[in-house]
């Protein structure tokens, strides 16, 4: 499984000739990337409706007629834009190509004023064909590991309205993660290398990735 990172929480996941794109948001496109660079994936997954995860200005151009998946709030936004998306449900697995995907509902981190964020659904991505190694969890803007959930690898927000690196480290430990790809530090700033140093004593490998850089898990 190859993870390629783009700004904020935007990832491309590839394996077994299958490509998934998660959360192609506004910060990607304000950072100089073009919508056409992210066309043609086998499916698009959206964790929630914030613009930095679901850019309403570019999503139609990005996704085209390809399958899109998200929670009820995501589907609502798609319909308002005249687009189709499949509504997913907590722990109700589905498959795209060589990947089995488990949606996991978890609360969005609190906003700066203490209010709740929008409905947020993470994605646990597993290879369901022999030949791809790795399991990855993308929690959207969740800041606490769901009870009973474990994942070897996690794309983990290390900054946000109320997300701290200390809280992110606890999330990784609760998830029993061995490898962390830091995400969500392009607007609320944080240093992924500082997080790498924090996590090292706990046996957690942190792999900071520049936009467009990839790693294999």
N, C-alpha and C. Protein backbone atom coordinates (compact mmCIF):
# COMPACT_ATOMS: atom_id res chain seq x y z
N UNK A 1 0.85 -1.19 0.00
CA UNK A 1 0.00 0.00 0.00
C UNK A 1 0.89 1.24 0.00
N UNK A 2 0.66 2.13 -0.95
CA UNK A 2 1.42 3.37 -1.06
C UNK A 2 0.53 4.53 -0.61
N UNK A 3 1.06 5.37 0.27
CA UNK A 3 0.38 6.58 0.71
C UNK A 3 1.12 7.77 0.12
N UNK A 4 0.42 8.59 -0.63
CA UNK A 4 0.99 9.84 -1.12
C UNK A 4 0.23 10.99 -0.47
N UNK A 5 0.97 11.90 0.17
CA UNK A 5 0.34 12.97 0.93
C UNK A 5 0.31 14.27 0.14
N UNK A 6 -0.79 14.98 0.29
CA UNK A 6 -0.94 16.33 -0.24
C UNK A 6 -1.35 17.24 0.92
N UNK A 7 -1.53 18.54 0.70
CA UNK A 7 -1.79 19.43 1.84
C UNK A 7 -2.99 19.01 2.70
N UNK A 8 -2.89 19.41 3.95
CA UNK A 8 -3.90 19.17 4.98
C UNK A 8 -4.14 17.67 5.16
N UNK A 9 -5.30 17.14 4.83
CA UNK A 9 -5.61 15.73 5.09
C UNK A 9 -5.82 14.94 3.82
N UNK A 10 -5.36 15.47 2.72
CA UNK A 10 -5.57 14.91 1.39
C UNK A 10 -4.53 13.81 1.12
N UNK A 11 -5.01 12.60 0.88
CA UNK A 11 -4.14 11.46 0.61
C UNK A 11 -4.57 10.75 -0.67
N UNK A 12 -3.60 10.15 -1.35
CA UNK A 12 -3.86 9.17 -2.39
C UNK A 12 -3.33 7.83 -1.90
N UNK A 13 -4.18 6.83 -1.93
CA UNK A 13 -3.83 5.48 -1.49
C UNK A 13 -3.87 4.57 -2.70
N UNK A 14 -2.78 3.84 -2.96
CA UNK A 14 -2.75 2.93 -4.09
C UNK A 14 -2.27 1.56 -3.66
N UNK A 15 -2.77 0.55 -4.35
CA UNK A 15 -2.36 -0.83 -4.13
C UNK A 15 -3.22 -1.74 -4.97
N UNK A 16 -2.65 -2.85 -5.46
CA UNK A 16 -3.39 -3.81 -6.28
C UNK A 16 -4.17 -3.12 -7.41
N UNK A 17 -3.50 -2.19 -8.08
CA UNK A 17 -4.09 -1.49 -9.23
C UNK A 17 -5.35 -0.70 -8.86
N UNK A 18 -5.47 -0.34 -7.59
CA UNK A 18 -6.61 0.45 -7.12
C UNK A 18 -6.11 1.76 -6.55
N UNK A 19 -6.81 2.84 -6.89
CA UNK A 19 -6.45 4.16 -6.36
C UNK A 19 -7.64 4.77 -5.64
N UNK A 20 -7.41 5.15 -4.38
CA UNK A 20 -8.40 5.88 -3.59
C UNK A 20 -7.87 7.28 -3.31
N UNK A 21 -8.74 8.26 -3.31
CA UNK A 21 -8.37 9.61 -2.89
C UNK A 21 -9.27 10.02 -1.74
N UNK A 22 -8.63 10.50 -0.67
CA UNK A 22 -9.35 10.92 0.53
C UNK A 22 -9.20 12.43 0.71
N UNK A 23 -10.31 13.11 0.92
CA UNK A 23 -10.35 14.51 1.34
C UNK A 23 -9.52 15.47 0.48
N UNK A 24 -9.81 15.54 -0.82
CA UNK A 24 -9.14 16.55 -1.65
C UNK A 24 -9.74 17.94 -1.37
N UNK A 25 -9.15 18.66 -0.44
CA UNK A 25 -9.74 19.88 0.06
C UNK A 25 -9.14 21.15 -0.50
N UNK A 26 -9.65 22.27 -0.02
CA UNK A 26 -9.33 23.58 -0.59
C UNK A 26 -7.86 23.95 -0.45
N UNK A 27 -7.20 23.50 0.62
CA UNK A 27 -5.81 23.90 0.84
C UNK A 27 -4.90 23.29 -0.22
N UNK A 28 -5.28 22.12 -0.74
CA UNK A 28 -4.53 21.54 -1.86
C UNK A 28 -4.52 22.50 -3.04
N UNK A 29 -5.68 23.04 -3.36
CA UNK A 29 -5.81 23.83 -4.59
C UNK A 29 -5.35 25.26 -4.40
N UNK A 30 -5.45 25.79 -3.20
CA UNK A 30 -4.87 27.11 -2.95
C UNK A 30 -3.35 27.02 -2.89
N UNK A 31 -2.81 25.80 -2.72
CA UNK A 31 -1.37 25.60 -2.67
C UNK A 31 -0.72 25.37 -4.01
N UNK A 32 -1.50 25.46 -5.10
CA UNK A 32 -0.91 25.38 -6.43
C UNK A 32 -1.20 24.11 -7.20
N UNK A 33 -1.79 23.10 -6.55
CA UNK A 33 -2.16 21.89 -7.28
C UNK A 33 -3.45 22.15 -8.07
N UNK A 34 -3.61 21.42 -9.17
CA UNK A 34 -4.75 21.60 -10.06
C UNK A 34 -5.73 20.44 -9.91
N UNK A 35 -7.03 20.71 -10.03
CA UNK A 35 -8.01 19.63 -9.90
C UNK A 35 -7.76 18.45 -10.82
N UNK A 36 -7.32 18.73 -12.05
CA UNK A 36 -7.13 17.63 -13.00
C UNK A 36 -6.02 16.66 -12.57
N UNK A 37 -5.16 17.08 -11.67
CA UNK A 37 -4.12 16.17 -11.18
C UNK A 37 -4.69 15.04 -10.34
N UNK A 38 -5.94 15.18 -9.90
CA UNK A 38 -6.52 14.19 -8.99
C UNK A 38 -7.76 13.53 -9.58
N UNK A 39 -7.89 13.61 -10.88
CA UNK A 39 -9.00 12.94 -11.55
C UNK A 39 -8.67 11.47 -11.78
N UNK A 40 -9.72 10.67 -11.97
CA UNK A 40 -9.53 9.30 -12.41
C UNK A 40 -9.26 8.27 -11.35
N UNK A 41 -9.45 8.60 -10.07
CA UNK A 41 -9.31 7.59 -9.02
C UNK A 41 -10.46 6.58 -9.13
N UNK A 42 -10.26 5.42 -8.53
CA UNK A 42 -11.33 4.41 -8.52
C UNK A 42 -12.47 4.82 -7.60
N UNK A 43 -12.15 5.60 -6.56
CA UNK A 43 -13.19 6.12 -5.67
C UNK A 43 -12.62 7.28 -4.87
N UNK A 44 -13.53 8.13 -4.39
CA UNK A 44 -13.19 9.28 -3.56
C UNK A 44 -13.92 9.14 -2.23
N UNK A 45 -13.18 9.33 -1.15
CA UNK A 45 -13.73 9.22 0.20
C UNK A 45 -13.65 10.58 0.88
N UNK A 46 -14.74 10.99 1.52
CA UNK A 46 -14.78 12.28 2.20
C UNK A 46 -15.19 12.07 3.65
N UNK A 47 -14.37 12.57 4.57
CA UNK A 47 -14.62 12.35 6.00
C UNK A 47 -15.66 13.29 6.56
N UNK A 48 -15.71 14.54 6.07
CA UNK A 48 -16.70 15.51 6.55
C UNK A 48 -16.74 16.70 5.60
N UNK A 49 -17.57 17.69 5.94
CA UNK A 49 -17.94 18.72 4.97
C UNK A 49 -17.13 20.00 5.05
N UNK A 50 -16.17 20.12 5.95
CA UNK A 50 -15.36 21.33 5.97
C UNK A 50 -14.61 21.50 4.64
N UNK A 51 -14.44 22.76 4.22
CA UNK A 51 -13.85 23.05 2.92
C UNK A 51 -12.44 22.49 2.75
N UNK A 52 -11.70 22.40 3.84
CA UNK A 52 -10.34 21.87 3.73
C UNK A 52 -10.32 20.36 3.54
N UNK A 53 -11.51 19.75 3.54
CA UNK A 53 -11.63 18.31 3.28
C UNK A 53 -12.51 18.02 2.06
N UNK A 54 -13.50 18.87 1.83
CA UNK A 54 -14.40 18.74 0.69
C UNK A 54 -14.55 20.13 0.09
N UNK A 55 -13.79 20.39 -0.95
CA UNK A 55 -13.77 21.71 -1.56
C UNK A 55 -14.92 21.82 -2.56
N UNK A 56 -15.96 22.55 -2.18
CA UNK A 56 -17.14 22.65 -3.04
C UNK A 56 -16.85 23.37 -4.36
N UNK A 57 -15.76 24.09 -4.43
CA UNK A 57 -15.42 24.82 -5.65
C UNK A 57 -14.76 23.94 -6.71
N UNK A 58 -14.18 22.83 -6.29
CA UNK A 58 -13.43 21.99 -7.24
C UNK A 58 -13.91 20.55 -7.30
N UNK A 59 -14.79 20.14 -6.37
CA UNK A 59 -15.09 18.71 -6.26
C UNK A 59 -15.70 18.14 -7.53
N UNK A 60 -16.55 18.90 -8.20
CA UNK A 60 -17.17 18.38 -9.43
C UNK A 60 -16.11 18.10 -10.48
N UNK A 61 -15.15 18.99 -10.62
CA UNK A 61 -14.09 18.80 -11.61
C UNK A 61 -13.18 17.64 -11.23
N UNK A 62 -12.95 17.46 -9.94
CA UNK A 62 -12.07 16.39 -9.48
C UNK A 62 -12.70 15.02 -9.66
N UNK A 63 -13.93 14.84 -9.17
CA UNK A 63 -14.49 13.48 -9.08
C UNK A 63 -15.13 13.03 -10.39
N UNK A 64 -15.61 13.96 -11.22
CA UNK A 64 -16.27 13.55 -12.45
C UNK A 64 -17.43 12.61 -12.16
N UNK A 65 -17.43 11.46 -12.82
CA UNK A 65 -18.49 10.46 -12.63
C UNK A 65 -18.03 9.30 -11.76
N UNK A 66 -16.89 9.44 -11.12
CA UNK A 66 -16.35 8.34 -10.32
C UNK A 66 -17.12 8.18 -9.01
N UNK A 67 -17.11 6.98 -8.40
CA UNK A 67 -17.83 6.76 -7.15
C UNK A 67 -17.28 7.61 -6.01
N UNK A 68 -18.18 8.17 -5.22
CA UNK A 68 -17.82 8.97 -4.05
C UNK A 68 -18.58 8.44 -2.85
N UNK A 69 -17.94 8.48 -1.69
CA UNK A 69 -18.52 7.93 -0.48
C UNK A 69 -18.36 8.91 0.67
N UNK A 70 -19.40 9.02 1.49
CA UNK A 70 -19.33 9.88 2.66
C UNK A 70 -20.55 9.68 3.54
N UNK A 71 -20.52 10.30 4.71
CA UNK A 71 -21.65 10.20 5.63
C UNK A 71 -22.83 11.03 5.12
N UNK A 72 -23.93 11.03 5.88
CA UNK A 72 -25.14 11.71 5.42
C UNK A 72 -24.92 13.19 5.18
N UNK A 73 -24.07 13.83 5.98
CA UNK A 73 -23.80 15.25 5.82
C UNK A 73 -23.03 15.50 4.52
N UNK A 74 -22.09 14.63 4.21
CA UNK A 74 -21.36 14.73 2.94
C UNK A 74 -22.31 14.54 1.76
N UNK A 75 -23.17 13.54 1.85
CA UNK A 75 -24.12 13.28 0.76
C UNK A 75 -25.04 14.49 0.55
N UNK A 76 -25.44 15.13 1.64
CA UNK A 76 -26.27 16.34 1.54
C UNK A 76 -25.57 17.42 0.71
N UNK A 77 -24.30 17.66 1.00
CA UNK A 77 -23.55 18.68 0.26
C UNK A 77 -23.42 18.29 -1.21
N UNK A 78 -23.15 17.02 -1.47
CA UNK A 78 -23.06 16.57 -2.85
C UNK A 78 -24.37 16.84 -3.60
N UNK A 79 -25.48 16.53 -2.97
CA UNK A 79 -26.77 16.74 -3.63
C UNK A 79 -27.01 18.22 -3.90
N UNK A 80 -26.62 19.07 -2.97
CA UNK A 80 -26.76 20.51 -3.17
C UNK A 80 -25.95 20.99 -4.36
N UNK A 81 -24.86 20.28 -4.66
CA UNK A 81 -24.01 20.62 -5.79
C UNK A 81 -24.43 19.91 -7.08
N UNK A 82 -25.50 19.11 -7.00
CA UNK A 82 -25.95 18.36 -8.16
C UNK A 82 -25.11 17.14 -8.46
N UNK A 83 -24.45 16.61 -7.44
CA UNK A 83 -23.58 15.44 -7.58
C UNK A 83 -24.14 14.26 -6.82
N UNK A 84 -23.68 13.08 -7.19
CA UNK A 84 -24.08 11.85 -6.51
C UNK A 84 -22.98 11.36 -5.59
N UNK A 85 -23.37 10.82 -4.46
CA UNK A 85 -22.44 10.16 -3.54
C UNK A 85 -23.20 9.07 -2.82
N UNK A 86 -22.49 8.03 -2.45
CA UNK A 86 -23.09 6.92 -1.71
C UNK A 86 -22.95 7.16 -0.22
N UNK A 87 -24.07 7.07 0.50
CA UNK A 87 -24.02 7.26 1.95
C UNK A 87 -23.46 6.01 2.61
N UNK A 88 -22.52 6.21 3.51
CA UNK A 88 -21.91 5.12 4.26
C UNK A 88 -22.42 5.15 5.69
N UNK A 89 -22.24 4.02 6.38
CA UNK A 89 -22.74 3.89 7.74
C UNK A 89 -21.66 3.28 8.62
N UNK A 90 -21.68 3.65 9.87
CA UNK A 90 -20.67 3.23 10.84
C UNK A 90 -20.48 1.72 10.84
N UNK A 91 -19.26 1.28 10.60
CA UNK A 91 -18.80 -0.12 10.63
C UNK A 91 -19.44 -0.99 9.55
N UNK A 92 -20.09 -0.39 8.57
CA UNK A 92 -20.70 -1.13 7.47
C UNK A 92 -19.70 -1.16 6.31
N UNK A 93 -18.99 -2.27 6.17
CA UNK A 93 -17.88 -2.37 5.24
C UNK A 93 -18.34 -2.35 3.78
N UNK A 94 -17.47 -1.83 2.93
CA UNK A 94 -17.68 -1.92 1.49
C UNK A 94 -16.32 -2.08 0.83
N UNK A 95 -16.32 -2.46 -0.44
CA UNK A 95 -15.07 -2.71 -1.16
C UNK A 95 -14.98 -1.82 -2.39
N UNK A 96 -13.75 -1.40 -2.67
CA UNK A 96 -13.42 -0.72 -3.91
C UNK A 96 -12.17 -1.38 -4.45
N UNK A 97 -12.27 -2.04 -5.60
CA UNK A 97 -11.12 -2.71 -6.17
C UNK A 97 -10.47 -3.64 -5.16
N UNK A 98 -9.18 -3.43 -4.90
CA UNK A 98 -8.43 -4.29 -4.00
C UNK A 98 -8.47 -3.88 -2.55
N UNK A 99 -9.37 -2.98 -2.17
CA UNK A 99 -9.42 -2.52 -0.78
C UNK A 99 -10.79 -2.77 -0.16
N UNK A 100 -10.76 -3.22 1.08
CA UNK A 100 -11.95 -3.27 1.92
C UNK A 100 -11.92 -2.06 2.84
N UNK A 101 -13.01 -1.32 2.91
CA UNK A 101 -13.06 -0.06 3.63
C UNK A 101 -14.13 -0.13 4.70
N UNK A 102 -13.74 0.21 5.93
CA UNK A 102 -14.69 0.24 7.03
C UNK A 102 -14.89 1.68 7.48
N UNK A 103 -16.08 2.25 7.31
CA UNK A 103 -16.34 3.58 7.86
C UNK A 103 -16.42 3.51 9.39
N UNK A 104 -15.86 4.49 10.03
CA UNK A 104 -15.86 4.54 11.50
C UNK A 104 -16.28 5.95 11.93
N UNK A 105 -17.47 6.07 12.48
CA UNK A 105 -17.92 7.36 12.98
C UNK A 105 -17.15 7.72 14.25
N UNK A 106 -16.64 8.93 14.31
CA UNK A 106 -15.99 9.43 15.52
C UNK A 106 -16.17 10.94 15.54
N UNK A 107 -16.28 11.52 16.73
CA UNK A 107 -16.56 12.95 16.80
C UNK A 107 -15.45 13.79 16.18
N UNK A 108 -15.85 14.82 15.47
CA UNK A 108 -14.91 15.86 15.04
C UNK A 108 -14.38 16.54 16.30
N UNK A 109 -13.14 16.97 16.28
CA UNK A 109 -12.63 17.72 17.42
C UNK A 109 -13.50 18.96 17.66
N UNK A 110 -13.52 19.42 18.89
CA UNK A 110 -14.26 20.64 19.21
C UNK A 110 -13.68 21.82 18.43
N UNK A 111 -14.55 22.75 18.09
CA UNK A 111 -14.10 23.96 17.42
C UNK A 111 -13.49 24.91 18.46
N UNK A 112 -12.88 25.98 17.99
CA UNK A 112 -12.19 26.89 18.90
C UNK A 112 -13.12 27.52 19.92
N UNK A 113 -14.38 27.69 19.56
CA UNK A 113 -15.34 28.29 20.49
C UNK A 113 -16.02 27.26 21.38
N UNK A 114 -15.58 26.00 21.30
CA UNK A 114 -16.12 24.95 22.14
C UNK A 114 -17.32 24.23 21.56
N UNK A 115 -17.79 24.65 20.39
CA UNK A 115 -18.93 23.98 19.78
C UNK A 115 -18.47 22.71 19.06
N UNK A 116 -19.46 21.87 18.75
CA UNK A 116 -19.16 20.63 18.03
C UNK A 116 -18.85 20.92 16.57
N UNK A 117 -18.01 20.08 15.99
CA UNK A 117 -17.79 20.13 14.56
C UNK A 117 -18.87 19.35 13.84
N UNK A 118 -18.79 19.24 12.52
CA UNK A 118 -19.78 18.49 11.75
C UNK A 118 -19.62 16.99 11.96
N UNK A 119 -20.62 16.21 11.54
CA UNK A 119 -20.45 14.75 11.58
C UNK A 119 -19.18 14.34 10.85
N UNK A 120 -18.43 13.43 11.44
CA UNK A 120 -17.10 13.07 10.96
C UNK A 120 -17.00 11.55 10.90
N UNK A 121 -16.54 11.03 9.79
CA UNK A 121 -16.41 9.59 9.61
C UNK A 121 -15.01 9.26 9.11
N UNK A 122 -14.30 8.45 9.87
CA UNK A 122 -12.99 7.99 9.44
C UNK A 122 -13.10 6.76 8.56
N UNK A 123 -11.98 6.38 7.97
CA UNK A 123 -11.94 5.22 7.08
C UNK A 123 -10.79 4.30 7.47
N UNK A 124 -11.12 3.05 7.77
CA UNK A 124 -10.13 2.00 8.00
C UNK A 124 -9.99 1.24 6.70
N UNK A 125 -8.80 1.28 6.12
CA UNK A 125 -8.57 0.74 4.78
C UNK A 125 -7.69 -0.49 4.88
N UNK A 126 -8.21 -1.60 4.40
CA UNK A 126 -7.51 -2.88 4.45
C UNK A 126 -7.38 -3.45 3.05
N UNK A 127 -6.26 -4.06 2.74
CA UNK A 127 -6.18 -4.81 1.49
C UNK A 127 -7.00 -6.08 1.61
N UNK A 128 -7.82 -6.36 0.61
CA UNK A 128 -8.58 -7.62 0.66
C UNK A 128 -8.11 -8.59 -0.41
N UNK A 129 -6.95 -8.27 -1.01
CA UNK A 129 -6.33 -9.18 -1.97
C UNK A 129 -4.90 -9.44 -1.54
N UNK A 130 -4.42 -10.64 -1.78
CA UNK A 130 -3.05 -10.99 -1.40
C UNK A 130 -2.08 -10.14 -2.22
N UNK A 131 -1.03 -9.67 -1.56
CA UNK A 131 0.00 -8.93 -2.27
C UNK A 131 0.16 -7.50 -1.82
N UNK A 132 -0.75 -7.01 -0.99
CA UNK A 132 -0.63 -5.67 -0.43
C UNK A 132 -0.54 -5.81 1.08
N UNK A 133 0.48 -5.19 1.65
CA UNK A 133 0.67 -5.27 3.09
C UNK A 133 0.32 -3.94 3.73
N UNK A 134 -0.42 -3.99 4.82
CA UNK A 134 -0.67 -2.76 5.56
C UNK A 134 -2.13 -2.55 5.85
N UNK A 135 -2.39 -1.80 6.89
CA UNK A 135 -3.72 -1.38 7.28
C UNK A 135 -3.59 0.08 7.66
N UNK A 136 -4.51 0.92 7.19
CA UNK A 136 -4.41 2.35 7.42
C UNK A 136 -5.73 2.90 7.93
N UNK A 137 -5.66 3.76 8.94
CA UNK A 137 -6.83 4.48 9.42
C UNK A 137 -6.65 5.97 9.16
N UNK A 138 -7.66 6.58 8.54
CA UNK A 138 -7.72 8.03 8.34
C UNK A 138 -8.91 8.52 9.15
N UNK A 139 -8.69 9.28 10.24
CA UNK A 139 -9.80 9.64 11.14
C UNK A 139 -10.49 10.95 10.81
N UNK A 140 -10.21 11.53 9.63
CA UNK A 140 -10.74 12.87 9.40
C UNK A 140 -10.19 13.82 10.44
N UNK A 141 -11.08 14.57 11.08
CA UNK A 141 -10.65 15.49 12.14
C UNK A 141 -11.00 14.95 13.53
N UNK A 142 -11.04 13.63 13.66
CA UNK A 142 -11.22 13.05 14.98
C UNK A 142 -9.97 13.22 15.82
N UNK A 143 -10.17 13.37 17.13
CA UNK A 143 -9.01 13.56 18.01
C UNK A 143 -8.93 12.54 19.14
N UNK A 144 -9.80 11.52 19.11
CA UNK A 144 -9.74 10.44 20.09
C UNK A 144 -9.99 9.12 19.37
N UNK A 145 -9.19 8.11 19.68
CA UNK A 145 -9.34 6.81 19.04
C UNK A 145 -10.67 6.17 19.46
N UNK A 146 -11.45 5.68 18.51
CA UNK A 146 -12.68 4.98 18.87
C UNK A 146 -12.39 3.75 19.72
N UNK A 147 -13.23 3.49 20.68
CA UNK A 147 -13.03 2.37 21.59
C UNK A 147 -12.95 1.06 20.81
N UNK A 148 -11.93 0.28 21.12
CA UNK A 148 -11.79 -1.04 20.53
C UNK A 148 -11.17 -1.07 19.15
N UNK A 149 -10.89 0.09 18.57
CA UNK A 149 -10.31 0.12 17.22
C UNK A 149 -8.79 0.13 17.30
N UNK A 150 -8.15 -0.69 16.49
CA UNK A 150 -6.70 -0.67 16.37
C UNK A 150 -6.33 -0.60 14.89
N UNK A 151 -5.16 -0.04 14.62
CA UNK A 151 -4.66 0.03 13.25
C UNK A 151 -3.15 0.13 13.30
N UNK A 152 -2.48 -0.63 12.45
CA UNK A 152 -1.02 -0.61 12.42
C UNK A 152 -0.48 0.75 11.99
N UNK A 153 -1.23 1.41 11.12
CA UNK A 153 -0.79 2.68 10.54
C UNK A 153 -1.94 3.68 10.61
N UNK A 154 -1.59 4.95 10.80
CA UNK A 154 -2.63 5.98 10.89
C UNK A 154 -2.13 7.27 10.25
N UNK A 155 -3.00 7.90 9.47
CA UNK A 155 -2.77 9.27 9.01
C UNK A 155 -3.41 10.17 10.06
N UNK A 156 -2.60 10.84 10.84
CA UNK A 156 -3.08 11.41 12.11
C UNK A 156 -3.00 12.93 12.13
N UNK A 157 -4.12 13.61 12.39
CA UNK A 157 -4.06 15.06 12.58
C UNK A 157 -3.21 15.41 13.80
N UNK A 158 -2.27 16.32 13.62
CA UNK A 158 -1.43 16.73 14.75
C UNK A 158 -1.68 18.18 15.14
N UNK A 159 -2.61 18.83 14.45
CA UNK A 159 -2.98 20.21 14.79
C UNK A 159 -4.41 20.42 14.34
N UNK A 160 -5.05 21.41 14.93
CA UNK A 160 -6.43 21.71 14.57
C UNK A 160 -7.01 22.70 15.56
N UNK A 161 -8.30 22.98 15.45
CA UNK A 161 -8.91 23.94 16.37
C UNK A 161 -8.63 23.63 17.84
N UNK A 162 -8.73 22.35 18.20
CA UNK A 162 -8.44 21.92 19.58
C UNK A 162 -7.58 20.67 19.60
N UNK A 163 -6.92 20.35 18.49
CA UNK A 163 -6.04 19.18 18.43
C UNK A 163 -4.63 19.60 18.83
N UNK A 164 -4.02 18.84 19.73
CA UNK A 164 -2.65 19.09 20.15
C UNK A 164 -1.78 17.89 19.79
N UNK A 165 -0.48 18.10 19.75
CA UNK A 165 0.41 16.98 19.49
C UNK A 165 0.38 15.98 20.63
N UNK A 166 0.19 16.45 21.87
CA UNK A 166 0.08 15.53 23.00
C UNK A 166 -1.15 14.64 22.84
N UNK A 167 -2.26 15.25 22.44
CA UNK A 167 -3.46 14.47 22.21
C UNK A 167 -3.32 13.52 21.04
N UNK A 168 -2.63 13.96 20.00
CA UNK A 168 -2.39 13.09 18.85
C UNK A 168 -1.54 11.88 19.23
N UNK A 169 -0.55 12.10 20.07
CA UNK A 169 0.28 10.99 20.52
C UNK A 169 -0.55 9.98 21.30
N UNK A 170 -1.44 10.46 22.15
CA UNK A 170 -2.30 9.55 22.90
C UNK A 170 -3.22 8.78 21.96
N UNK A 171 -3.72 9.45 20.93
CA UNK A 171 -4.54 8.79 19.91
C UNK A 171 -3.76 7.64 19.29
N UNK A 172 -2.53 7.89 18.87
CA UNK A 172 -1.71 6.85 18.24
C UNK A 172 -1.47 5.69 19.20
N UNK A 173 -1.20 5.99 20.45
CA UNK A 173 -0.97 4.94 21.44
C UNK A 173 -2.24 4.12 21.66
N UNK A 174 -3.38 4.79 21.77
CA UNK A 174 -4.64 4.07 21.98
C UNK A 174 -4.99 3.20 20.78
N UNK A 175 -4.59 3.64 19.61
CA UNK A 175 -4.86 2.89 18.38
C UNK A 175 -3.87 1.73 18.20
N UNK A 176 -2.81 1.71 19.03
CA UNK A 176 -1.73 0.73 18.93
C UNK A 176 -1.03 0.83 17.58
N UNK A 177 -0.91 2.05 17.08
CA UNK A 177 -0.28 2.28 15.79
C UNK A 177 1.24 2.14 15.90
N UNK A 178 1.83 1.62 14.86
CA UNK A 178 3.29 1.51 14.77
C UNK A 178 3.89 2.58 13.86
N UNK A 179 3.09 3.05 12.88
CA UNK A 179 3.55 4.07 11.94
C UNK A 179 2.49 5.17 11.85
N UNK A 180 2.95 6.42 11.93
CA UNK A 180 2.07 7.58 11.81
C UNK A 180 2.54 8.44 10.64
N UNK A 181 1.61 8.80 9.77
CA UNK A 181 1.85 9.84 8.77
C UNK A 181 1.11 11.09 9.26
N UNK A 182 1.82 12.13 9.67
CA UNK A 182 1.15 13.32 10.20
C UNK A 182 0.38 14.07 9.10
N UNK A 183 -0.82 14.53 9.45
CA UNK A 183 -1.63 15.32 8.54
C UNK A 183 -2.24 16.50 9.29
N UNK A 184 -2.89 17.39 8.54
CA UNK A 184 -3.72 18.47 9.11
C UNK A 184 -2.91 19.47 9.92
N UNK A 185 -1.79 19.91 9.35
CA UNK A 185 -1.00 20.93 10.04
C UNK A 185 -0.65 22.09 9.09
N UNK A 186 -1.42 22.23 8.01
CA UNK A 186 -1.14 23.28 7.03
C UNK A 186 -1.80 24.61 7.39
N UNK A 187 -2.92 24.57 8.11
CA UNK A 187 -3.60 25.81 8.52
C UNK A 187 -3.30 26.12 9.98
N UNK A 188 -3.67 25.20 10.86
CA UNK A 188 -3.22 25.27 12.25
C UNK A 188 -1.82 24.65 12.26
N UNK A 189 -0.82 25.47 12.48
CA UNK A 189 0.55 25.05 12.24
C UNK A 189 1.09 24.15 13.35
N UNK A 190 1.84 23.15 12.94
CA UNK A 190 2.58 22.28 13.85
C UNK A 190 3.75 21.69 13.08
N UNK A 191 4.77 21.28 13.79
CA UNK A 191 5.98 20.74 13.18
C UNK A 191 5.94 19.21 13.26
N UNK A 192 5.78 18.51 12.13
CA UNK A 192 5.72 17.06 12.18
C UNK A 192 7.01 16.42 12.69
N UNK A 193 8.13 17.09 12.52
CA UNK A 193 9.38 16.53 13.04
C UNK A 193 9.44 16.61 14.57
N UNK A 194 8.82 17.62 15.14
CA UNK A 194 8.70 17.67 16.59
C UNK A 194 7.84 16.51 17.08
N UNK A 195 6.75 16.24 16.35
CA UNK A 195 5.91 15.11 16.72
C UNK A 195 6.67 13.80 16.58
N UNK A 196 7.50 13.69 15.56
CA UNK A 196 8.34 12.50 15.38
C UNK A 196 9.21 12.26 16.60
N UNK A 197 9.81 13.31 17.12
CA UNK A 197 10.67 13.18 18.30
C UNK A 197 9.87 12.81 19.54
N UNK A 198 8.64 13.33 19.65
CA UNK A 198 7.78 13.00 20.78
C UNK A 198 7.39 11.53 20.78
N UNK A 199 7.14 10.98 19.59
CA UNK A 199 6.62 9.62 19.48
C UNK A 199 7.69 8.55 19.57
N UNK A 200 8.92 8.90 19.23
CA UNK A 200 10.00 7.91 19.15
C UNK A 200 10.19 7.10 20.43
N UNK A 201 10.16 7.72 21.63
CA UNK A 201 10.37 6.93 22.85
C UNK A 201 9.31 5.86 23.08
N UNK A 202 8.18 5.96 22.39
CA UNK A 202 7.10 4.99 22.56
C UNK A 202 7.10 3.94 21.46
N UNK A 203 8.15 3.92 20.66
CA UNK A 203 8.26 2.93 19.60
C UNK A 203 7.35 3.18 18.42
N UNK A 204 6.90 4.42 18.26
CA UNK A 204 6.03 4.79 17.15
C UNK A 204 6.85 5.52 16.10
N UNK A 205 6.86 5.00 14.89
CA UNK A 205 7.60 5.62 13.79
C UNK A 205 6.73 6.68 13.13
N UNK A 206 7.22 7.89 13.06
CA UNK A 206 6.50 8.99 12.41
C UNK A 206 7.20 9.31 11.09
N UNK A 207 6.42 9.37 10.03
CA UNK A 207 6.97 9.63 8.70
C UNK A 207 6.40 10.94 8.15
N UNK A 208 7.04 12.07 8.40
CA UNK A 208 6.59 13.33 7.81
C UNK A 208 6.77 13.29 6.29
N UNK A 209 5.75 13.73 5.57
CA UNK A 209 5.80 13.73 4.11
C UNK A 209 5.51 15.13 3.59
N UNK A 210 6.32 15.59 2.66
CA UNK A 210 6.07 16.84 1.96
C UNK A 210 4.94 16.63 0.95
N UNK A 211 4.27 17.68 0.51
CA UNK A 211 3.22 17.53 -0.51
C UNK A 211 3.74 16.81 -1.75
N UNK A 212 3.05 15.74 -2.12
CA UNK A 212 3.45 14.93 -3.27
C UNK A 212 4.42 13.82 -2.94
N UNK A 213 4.89 13.75 -1.71
CA UNK A 213 5.81 12.69 -1.30
C UNK A 213 5.02 11.47 -0.85
N UNK A 214 5.61 10.28 -1.04
CA UNK A 214 4.90 9.06 -0.72
C UNK A 214 5.74 8.14 0.15
N UNK A 215 5.04 7.18 0.77
CA UNK A 215 5.69 6.17 1.58
C UNK A 215 4.92 4.86 1.42
N UNK A 216 5.59 3.76 1.64
CA UNK A 216 4.96 2.44 1.53
C UNK A 216 4.77 1.85 2.91
N UNK A 217 3.59 1.28 3.15
CA UNK A 217 3.32 0.60 4.41
C UNK A 217 2.89 -0.83 4.13
